Amino acid sequence: MRRWSRIAVSALLFSTFMQASSAHAQEEAVTPDRTEQWFAEARAQVAAGNLPGAVAALERVLLANPSLANIRLELALLYLRLGNAELAQSYLEAVVDAPDVPQPARIRARGALAQARGERRRLSASGILQVGAQYQSNPNGSPAAISIVGPGGVPVILDGSQLSIRPDGDASGSVSGSLELRYDLGSQRGHDLVANISGGYSGYAELSAIDALYVSGQIGPRLFLGPATAPDGFVRPFGSATYLALGQDSYFHAVGGGISASRQLSLFTALSARASYERRDYQNSDRRPTASEQTGNYYGGSVDLGWQVRPRTRLTIGGLYERADARRDYWSRDSFGGSAGIDQVLGGTARPVFASLTFGYRRSVYDAPDPLVDLTARRRENRYELSAAAAVPVLHALTVELRGQQIWNPSALPNYDYTNTVGSLGISYRF
């Protein structure tokens, strides 16, 4: 019976698509305006509950834009909802490692691919490896001047050229990777137990004091939402641990936990959120003899909304809040901010370029003045970041990535007022 139902659904889809293709063949050549119309039609058909009509519209979009991974992903999930697992599988295999697929969508794609294949392997794995090089104009975040408390409590300003750590540029190389291990819990919806492990090392040509080694991990169940064959979201509570070393000295370690969630609100519109807690313990060293003053509790939360506004254009907007408590009030702070970005597919279908432009802002206010810096002024600063990136696929899962970034960090205290310009080139491999 199930076999005949799949045949019937496939016949309906084939008939709908052939009618659309026939009509299209009689129209003028594909134009951006026509592609926009098909894209809008797919949204309308899903809202009306006409899934075969939405499939036909998205197939038309792909005729003109075969390299669009997000379109292929949503089309595959529609095929799953209609019972055509074989066709869904072919689309999912082509996009699950694409560089322009957002991480929540990638999670949905991997779960849906397992469903489409009929695979319920107890243990599976995926990940990414990255190597790169970058140059920064001011990797230390060194200010052009600092303030210190002079005789009688009067602040004294020192020029940055007098500092032992000056705002000089430096080059660095890095290697990093992440691994996700999934253990299937045996439910119909595909719930799993997930362990994420990530780590990396960056070394500088001259500023070895800020060479960084980090390792972090998370573990917790991931509970999928929506239809069993085509999930539209997930909720995941997790425990976490982090370790960071700077210049071969242990800097801090942390343990904590939290919850993350993602939900597909409509076709091509997704909402993600995360809340977390950590107990951060900082260690003193010869280079950082007072680091332990920052030890305390950290609370963080973020919300991100992304939507595909056009076949080749995706917009994102997000907000965040952080609270850091420390042993010394002048290290305790509240931070809030947000970001906005645009992702754009450029070039032709044979060798597309995935470009992005992102702007971020964060406002931080510290609880008390630092008596070694200024007896009355609290640290207040605004951080602005402008980033541009391009990803060029060279093989199915191998991508060359270029990135440029400008950071401005104006502060009420000159000790923390700095700028930094970053340029990087890297290669990433997904598996």
Protein backbone atom coordinates (compact mmCIF):
# COMPACT_ATOMS: atom_id res chain seq x y z
CA MET A 1 0.00 0.00 0.00
CA ARG A 2 2.80 2.38 0.90
CA ARG A 3 4.47 1.59 -2.42
CA TRP A 4 1.34 2.53 -4.40
CA SER A 5 0.91 5.74 -2.38
CA ARG A 6 4.49 6.76 -3.22
CA ILE A 7 3.85 6.01 -6.88
CA ALA A 8 0.69 8.13 -6.80
CA VAL A 9 2.46 11.04 -5.13
CA SER A 10 5.36 10.82 -7.56
CA ALA A 11 2.95 10.78 -10.51
CA LEU A 12 1.16 13.84 -9.16
CA LEU A 13 4.44 15.70 -8.69
CA PHE A 14 5.68 14.67 -12.14
CA SER A 15 2.43 15.79 -13.76
CA THR A 16 2.46 19.13 -11.91
CA PHE A 17 6.07 19.78 -12.79
CA MET A 18 5.65 18.80 -16.45
CA GLN A 19 2.72 21.17 -16.79
CA ALA A 20 4.77 23.96 -15.24
CA SER A 21 7.75 23.15 -17.45
CA SER A 22 5.56 23.10 -20.56
CA ALA A 23 4.12 26.48 -19.70
CA HIS A 24 7.56 27.80 -18.99
CA ALA A 25 8.89 26.58 -22.33
CA GLN A 26 6.34 28.78 -24.07
CA GLU A 27 7.43 31.86 -22.11
CA GLU A 28 10.36 34.13 -22.72
CA ALA A 29 13.85 33.27 -21.51
CA VAL A 30 14.39 33.10 -17.75
CA THR A 31 14.84 36.53 -16.20
CA PRO A 32 15.50 37.62 -12.62
CA ASP A 33 11.94 38.97 -12.46
CA ARG A 34 10.51 35.59 -13.44
CA THR A 35 12.66 33.84 -10.83
CA GLU A 36 11.39 36.25 -8.19
CA GLN A 37 7.81 35.46 -9.20
CA TRP A 38 8.37 31.71 -8.86
CA PHE A 39 10.03 32.23 -5.49
CA ALA A 40 7.06 34.29 -4.26
CA GLU A 41 4.67 31.71 -5.68
CA ALA A 42 6.37 28.94 -3.68
CA ARG A 43 5.82 30.91 -0.46
CA ALA A 44 2.16 31.46 -1.33
CA GLN A 45 1.59 27.80 -2.22
CA VAL A 46 3.07 26.58 1.07
CA ALA A 47 0.94 29.08 3.01
CA ALA A 48 -2.12 27.77 1.17
CA GLY A 49 -1.17 24.15 1.91
CA ASN A 50 -0.57 23.31 -1.77
CA LEU A 51 2.73 21.43 -1.44
CA PRO A 52 2.83 20.07 -5.02
CA GLY A 53 2.37 23.63 -6.30
CA ALA A 54 5.22 24.82 -4.07
CA VAL A 55 7.44 22.02 -5.35
CA ALA A 56 6.74 23.01 -8.96
CA ALA A 57 7.57 26.66 -8.21
CA LEU A 58 10.86 25.81 -6.49
CA GLU A 59 11.85 23.47 -9.30
CA ARG A 60 11.44 26.43 -11.64
CA VAL A 61 13.68 28.56 -9.41
CA LEU A 62 16.36 25.85 -9.52
CA LEU A 63 16.20 25.70 -13.31
CA ALA A 64 17.65 29.21 -13.31
CA ASN A 65 19.69 28.88 -10.10
CA PRO A 66 20.88 25.27 -9.70
CA SER A 67 23.64 26.19 -7.20
CA LEU A 68 21.32 27.57 -4.48
CA ALA A 69 21.69 25.20 -1.54
CA ASN A 70 18.91 26.74 0.58
CA ILE A 71 16.40 26.28 -2.24
CA ARG A 72 17.44 22.65 -2.67
CA LEU A 73 17.15 22.01 1.07
CA GLU A 74 13.61 23.35 1.37
CA LEU A 75 12.61 21.53 -1.81
CA ALA A 76 13.97 18.27 -0.39
CA LEU A 77 11.98 18.74 2.84
CA LEU A 78 8.83 19.35 0.79
CA TYR A 79 9.44 16.11 -1.10
CA LEU A 80 9.80 14.30 2.24
CA ARG A 81 6.48 15.70 3.45
CA LEU A 82 4.92 14.43 0.23
CA GLY A 83 6.38 10.94 0.74
CA ASN A 84 9.02 10.95 -2.00
CA ALA A 85 12.10 10.01 0.04
CA GLU A 86 14.16 8.93 -2.97
CA LEU A 87 14.01 12.32 -4.68
CA ALA A 88 14.50 14.14 -1.37
CA GLN A 89 17.67 12.14 -0.75
CA SER A 90 19.25 13.22 -4.03
CA TYR A 91 18.71 16.89 -3.18
CA LEU A 92 19.87 16.57 0.43
CA GLU A 93 23.12 14.84 -0.50
CA ALA A 94 23.98 17.78 -2.74
CA VAL A 95 23.48 20.49 -0.10
CA VAL A 96 24.31 19.06 3.32
CA ASP A 97 27.95 20.23 3.06
CA ALA A 98 27.35 23.43 1.07
CA PRO A 99 29.10 26.52 2.53
CA ASP A 100 26.03 28.77 2.37
CA VAL A 101 23.69 26.59 4.46
CA PRO A 102 23.07 28.07 7.96
CA GLN A 103 23.94 25.71 10.81
CA PRO A 104 20.33 25.16 12.02
CA ALA A 105 19.34 24.28 8.45
CA ARG A 106 22.35 21.95 8.16
CA ILE A 107 21.18 20.13 11.31
CA ARG A 108 17.72 19.70 9.80
CA ALA A 109 19.26 18.51 6.54
CA ARG A 110 21.40 15.81 8.21
CA GLY A 111 18.44 14.51 10.19
CA ALA A 112 16.21 14.52 7.13
CA LEU A 113 18.88 12.76 5.04
CA ALA A 114 19.06 9.91 7.55
CA GLN A 115 15.27 9.62 7.36
CA ALA A 116 15.29 9.68 3.54
CA ARG A 117 17.95 6.98 3.35
CA GLY A 118 16.10 4.84 5.84
CA GLU A 119 19.31 4.81 7.89
CA ARG A 120 19.07 4.68 11.64
CA ARG A 121 22.72 4.14 12.45
CA ARG A 122 23.25 4.33 16.17
CA LEU A 123 26.40 6.43 15.85
CA SER A 124 27.29 8.92 13.13
CA ALA A 125 29.71 11.82 12.81
CA SER A 126 30.30 15.02 10.85
CA GLY A 127 32.64 17.97 11.16
CA ILE A 128 34.81 20.63 9.61
CA LEU A 129 38.58 21.19 9.40
CA GLN A 130 40.06 24.63 8.72
CA VAL A 131 43.54 26.04 8.14
CA GLY A 132 44.34 29.66 7.47
CA ALA A 133 46.58 32.68 7.74
CA GLN A 134 45.75 36.23 8.71
CA TYR A 135 47.24 39.64 9.30
CA GLN A 136 46.03 42.08 11.97
CA SER A 137 47.03 45.70 12.39
CA ASN A 138 46.57 45.51 16.18
CA PRO A 139 46.02 41.90 17.37
CA ASN A 140 46.73 42.83 21.00
CA GLY A 141 43.98 45.43 21.09
CA SER A 142 46.59 47.92 22.27
CA PRO A 143 45.34 51.50 22.76
CA ALA A 144 46.91 54.64 21.39
CA ALA A 145 47.14 55.89 25.01
CA ILE A 146 46.50 54.74 28.56
CA SER A 147 45.38 56.38 31.77
CA ILE A 148 46.99 55.69 35.16
CA VAL A 149 46.37 57.14 38.60
CA GLY A 150 49.02 59.76 39.40
CA PRO A 151 49.83 61.70 42.57
CA GLY A 152 46.74 62.87 44.43
CA GLY A 153 44.52 60.54 42.41
CA VAL A 154 44.82 62.65 39.24
CA PRO A 155 44.73 60.56 36.04
CA VAL A 156 47.88 60.74 33.90
CA ILE A 157 47.71 59.95 30.18
CA LEU A 158 50.62 58.06 28.60
CA ASP A 159 51.13 57.90 24.83
CA GLY A 160 50.90 54.40 23.32
CA SER A 161 54.44 54.65 21.93
CA GLN A 162 55.73 54.58 25.52
CA LEU A 163 54.09 51.22 26.24
CA SER A 164 55.92 47.91 26.26
CA ILE A 165 53.07 46.43 24.23
CA ARG A 166 52.51 48.81 21.32
CA PRO A 167 49.71 48.70 18.71
CA ASP A 168 51.85 46.97 16.06
CA GLY A 169 50.69 44.61 13.33
CA ASP A 170 51.47 40.90 13.16
CA ALA A 171 50.72 37.83 11.06
CA SER A 172 49.46 34.51 12.36
CA GLY A 173 48.58 31.02 11.22
CA SER A 174 45.80 28.87 12.58
CA VAL A 175 44.35 25.40 12.46
CA SER A 176 40.96 24.49 13.90
CA GLY A 177 38.28 21.88 13.69
CA SER A 178 35.00 20.68 15.11
CA LEU A 179 33.42 17.26 15.37
CA GLU A 180 29.80 16.35 16.03
CA LEU A 181 29.00 12.83 17.25
CA ARG A 182 25.35 11.78 17.15
CA TYR A 183 23.85 8.78 18.92
CA ASP A 184 20.37 7.86 17.70
CA LEU A 185 17.91 7.46 20.57
CA GLY A 186 15.63 5.24 18.51
CA SER A 187 12.57 7.50 18.35
CA GLN A 188 10.38 7.88 15.29
CA ARG A 189 11.14 11.59 15.09
CA GLY A 190 14.91 11.02 15.10
CA HIS A 191 15.87 12.43 18.51
CA ASP A 192 19.57 11.97 19.24
CA LEU A 193 22.24 12.48 21.87
CA VAL A 194 24.84 14.90 20.52
CA ALA A 195 28.42 15.61 21.57
CA ASN A 196 30.21 18.58 19.99
CA ILE A 197 33.97 18.92 20.32
CA SER A 198 35.91 21.87 18.88
CA GLY A 199 39.43 23.15 19.22
CA GLY A 200 42.12 25.16 17.57
CA TYR A 201 45.50 26.82 17.77
CA SER A 202 46.71 30.18 16.45
CA GLY A 203 50.36 31.22 16.54
CA TYR A 204 51.78 34.70 15.86
CA ALA A 205 55.03 35.53 14.14
CA GLU A 206 56.13 37.96 16.86
CA LEU A 207 53.47 38.28 19.58
CA SER A 208 53.88 34.82 21.07
CA ALA A 209 52.33 36.07 24.33
CA ILE A 210 48.90 35.87 22.69
CA ASP A 211 49.32 32.52 20.92
CA ALA A 212 46.03 30.80 21.72
CA LEU A 213 45.03 27.18 22.28
CA TYR A 214 41.40 26.38 23.01
CA VAL A 215 39.28 23.26 23.45
CA SER A 216 35.55 23.20 24.12
CA GLY A 217 32.82 20.62 24.27
CA GLN A 218 29.06 20.29 24.65
CA ILE A 219 26.86 17.28 25.23
CA GLY A 220 23.11 16.89 25.45
CA PRO A 221 20.02 15.46 23.73
CA ARG A 222 18.59 17.10 20.61
CA LEU A 223 14.82 16.81 20.38
CA PHE A 224 13.36 17.46 16.94
CA LEU A 225 10.09 19.30 16.36
CA GLY A 226 7.49 19.00 13.65
CA PRO A 227 6.71 16.12 11.27
CA ALA A 228 8.77 12.99 11.85
CA THR A 229 9.85 12.80 8.19
CA ALA A 230 10.61 16.51 7.77
CA PRO A 231 11.52 18.20 11.08
CA ASP A 232 11.06 21.97 11.25
CA GLY A 233 13.10 22.66 14.37
CA PHE A 234 14.76 21.31 17.50
CA VAL A 235 15.37 21.97 21.18
CA ARG A 236 18.65 21.00 22.82
CA PRO A 237 19.67 21.27 26.49
CA PHE A 238 23.41 20.79 26.99
CA GLY A 239 26.31 20.77 29.41
CA SER A 240 29.54 22.47 28.41
CA ALA A 241 33.24 22.78 29.24
CA THR A 242 35.92 25.14 27.87
CA TYR A 243 39.68 25.56 28.24
CA LEU A 244 41.83 28.44 26.93
CA ALA A 245 45.61 28.94 27.10
CA LEU A 246 47.44 32.11 26.03
CA GLY A 247 51.15 32.14 25.32
CA GLN A 248 51.58 28.61 26.73
CA ASP A 249 50.04 29.72 30.05
CA SER A 250 46.68 28.45 31.23
CA TYR A 251 44.27 31.41 31.09
CA PHE A 252 40.85 30.10 32.07
CA HIS A 253 38.63 27.05 32.17
CA ALA A 254 34.86 26.96 32.48
CA VAL A 255 32.01 24.52 33.05
CA GLY A 256 28.33 25.20 32.58
CA GLY A 257 25.31 24.44 30.47
CA GLY A 258 22.34 25.90 28.69
CA ILE A 259 19.70 25.35 26.04
CA SER A 260 19.53 26.10 22.33
CA ALA A 261 16.54 25.96 19.99
CA SER A 262 15.65 26.57 16.37
CA ARG A 263 12.30 26.73 14.60
CA GLN A 264 11.33 27.15 10.95
CA LEU A 265 8.60 29.80 11.11
CA SER A 266 7.68 29.59 7.45
CA LEU A 267 9.26 28.68 4.14
CA PHE A 268 12.78 30.20 4.23
CA THR A 269 12.27 31.96 7.59
CA ALA A 270 13.96 30.53 10.71
CA LEU A 271 14.35 31.65 14.33
CA SER A 272 17.17 30.46 16.61
CA ALA A 273 17.80 31.18 20.28
CA ARG A 274 20.35 30.22 22.92
CA ALA A 275 20.79 30.75 26.66
CA SER A 276 23.85 29.60 28.62
CA TYR A 277 25.64 29.75 31.95
CA GLU A 278 29.33 29.19 32.76
CA ARG A 279 31.49 29.30 35.84
CA ARG A 280 34.73 30.82 34.55
CA ASP A 281 37.93 30.32 36.57
CA TYR A 282 40.93 32.42 35.51
CA GLN A 283 44.50 31.51 36.43
CA ASN A 284 47.32 33.90 37.30
CA SER A 285 50.62 33.63 35.40
CA ASP A 286 53.87 35.59 35.08
CA ARG A 287 52.45 37.56 32.15
CA ARG A 288 48.98 37.97 33.71
CA PRO A 289 49.50 38.10 37.49
CA THR A 290 45.98 39.40 38.27
CA ALA A 291 43.94 37.30 35.84
CA SER A 292 42.15 35.51 38.71
CA GLU A 293 40.35 38.78 39.55
CA GLN A 294 38.04 38.02 36.57
CA THR A 295 36.87 34.68 38.02
CA GLY A 296 33.10 34.47 38.34
CA ASN A 297 29.78 33.55 36.74
CA TYR A 298 28.90 34.27 33.12
CA TYR A 299 25.37 34.39 31.68
CA GLY A 300 24.60 34.80 27.99
CA GLY A 301 21.64 34.80 25.67
CA SER A 302 21.07 35.41 21.96
CA VAL A 303 18.26 35.40 19.40
CA ASP A 304 18.78 35.25 15.61
CA LEU A 305 16.30 35.53 12.77
CA GLY A 306 17.13 34.62 9.18
CA TRP A 307 15.03 34.75 6.08
CA GLN A 308 15.59 34.12 2.40
CA VAL A 309 14.16 37.26 0.82
CA ARG A 310 15.16 36.35 -2.73
CA PRO A 311 16.50 33.19 -4.37
CA ARG A 312 20.09 34.49 -4.10
CA THR A 313 19.73 36.75 -1.05
CA ARG A 314 19.43 35.92 2.65
CA LEU A 315 19.12 38.45 5.47
CA THR A 316 19.94 37.88 9.15
CA ILE A 317 19.39 39.94 12.27
CA GLY A 318 20.26 39.07 15.85
CA GLY A 319 20.48 40.34 19.40
CA LEU A 320 22.53 39.35 22.44
CA TYR A 321 22.87 39.98 26.16
CA GLU A 322 25.74 39.03 28.50
CA ARG A 323 26.32 39.34 32.22
CA ALA A 324 29.77 38.65 33.66
CA ASP A 325 30.29 38.63 37.44
CA ALA A 326 33.87 38.79 38.73
CA ARG A 327 35.73 38.91 42.03
CA ARG A 328 36.51 42.56 41.39
CA ASP A 329 33.58 44.83 40.55
CA TYR A 330 35.64 46.67 37.92
CA TRP A 331 35.71 43.41 35.90
CA SER A 332 31.97 42.76 36.26
CA ARG A 333 29.91 44.00 33.34
CA ASP A 334 26.64 44.01 31.42
CA SER A 335 26.76 43.85 27.64
CA PHE A 336 24.08 44.00 25.00
CA GLY A 337 24.15 44.34 21.25
CA GLY A 338 23.08 43.03 17.91
CA SER A 339 24.05 42.27 14.36
CA ALA A 340 22.66 42.48 10.85
CA GLY A 341 23.93 40.77 7.75
CA ILE A 342 23.28 39.90 4.15
CA ASP A 343 24.38 36.73 2.33
CA GLN A 344 24.46 36.84 -1.45
CA VAL A 345 25.21 34.23 -4.13
CA LEU A 346 27.28 35.80 -6.90
CA GLY A 347 28.43 34.58 -10.29
CA GLY A 348 27.13 31.85 -12.50
CA THR A 349 25.93 28.35 -11.77
CA ALA A 350 29.21 26.60 -12.58
CA ARG A 351 31.39 28.42 -10.03
CA PRO A 352 29.26 30.44 -7.60
CA VAL A 353 30.74 32.73 -4.96
CA PHE A 354 28.99 32.96 -1.59
CA ALA A 355 29.52 36.48 -0.24
CA SER A 356 28.42 38.02 3.03
CA LEU A 357 28.49 41.43 4.69
CA THR A 358 27.85 41.73 8.45
CA PHE A 359 27.70 44.63 10.89
CA GLY A 360 27.80 44.08 14.65
CA TYR A 361 27.50 46.31 17.71
CA ARG A 362 28.03 45.67 21.41
CA ARG A 363 27.72 48.04 24.37
CA SER A 364 29.50 47.12 27.62
CA VAL A 365 29.18 48.88 30.97
CA TYR A 366 31.35 47.85 33.93
CA ASP A 367 30.12 47.93 37.52
CA ALA A 368 32.84 50.05 39.17
CA PRO A 369 35.95 52.15 38.43
CA ASP A 370 39.33 50.45 38.41
CA PRO A 371 41.37 52.29 41.07
CA LEU A 372 44.60 51.59 39.17
CA VAL A 373 43.21 53.31 36.08
CA ASP A 374 40.79 56.02 37.21
CA LEU A 375 39.27 56.55 40.66
CA THR A 376 35.95 57.89 39.38
CA ALA A 377 35.31 56.83 35.78
CA ARG A 378 33.78 53.44 35.05
CA ARG A 379 34.72 51.60 31.89
CA ARG A 380 32.05 52.07 29.22
CA GLU A 381 32.68 51.11 25.63
CA ASN A 382 31.02 50.54 22.29
CA ARG A 383 32.39 47.93 19.94
CA TYR A 384 31.61 48.09 16.20
CA GLU A 385 32.54 45.37 13.73
CA LEU A 386 32.20 45.39 9.95
CA SER A 387 33.02 42.10 8.19
CA ALA A 388 33.03 41.03 4.56
CA ALA A 389 33.63 37.43 3.49
CA ALA A 390 33.62 35.30 0.37
CA ALA A 391 33.54 31.51 0.07
CA VAL A 392 34.49 29.81 -3.18
CA PRO A 393 33.81 26.05 -3.45
CA VAL A 394 36.58 24.21 -5.26
CA LEU A 395 35.30 20.67 -4.62
CA HIS A 396 32.09 19.24 -3.18
CA ALA A 397 33.12 19.82 0.44
CA LEU A 398 36.32 21.91 0.03
CA THR A 399 36.02 25.70 0.14
CA VAL A 400 38.46 28.62 -0.09
CA GLU A 401 37.47 31.45 2.24
CA LEU A 402 38.54 35.10 2.29
CA ARG A 403 37.59 37.54 5.03
CA GLY A 404 38.19 41.16 5.91
CA GLN A 405 37.16 42.84 9.15
CA GLN A 406 37.39 46.27 10.72
CA ILE A 407 36.96 46.70 14.49
CA TRP A 408 36.40 49.96 16.33
CA ASN A 409 36.35 49.92 20.13
CA PRO A 410 35.88 53.48 21.47
CA SER A 411 35.92 53.57 25.27
CA ALA A 412 35.41 56.08 28.08
CA LEU A 413 38.87 55.00 29.31
CA PRO A 414 41.76 55.39 26.83
CA ASN A 415 43.26 52.09 28.06
CA TYR A 416 40.60 50.22 26.09
CA ASP A 417 40.19 52.54 23.10
CA TYR A 418 41.61 50.86 19.99
CA THR A 419 41.03 49.80 16.38
CA ASN A 420 42.06 46.67 14.50
CA THR A 421 42.03 45.71 10.82
CA VAL A 422 42.00 42.01 9.94
CA GLY A 423 42.51 40.15 6.68
CA SER A 424 42.53 36.35 6.36
CA LEU A 425 42.69 33.54 3.82
CA GLY A 426 41.75 29.97 4.64
CA ILE A 427 40.59 26.58 3.43
CA SER A 428 37.82 24.53 5.00
CA TYR A 429 36.76 20.93 4.49
CA ARG A 430 33.43 19.51 5.64
CA PHE A 431 32.83 15.84 6.19
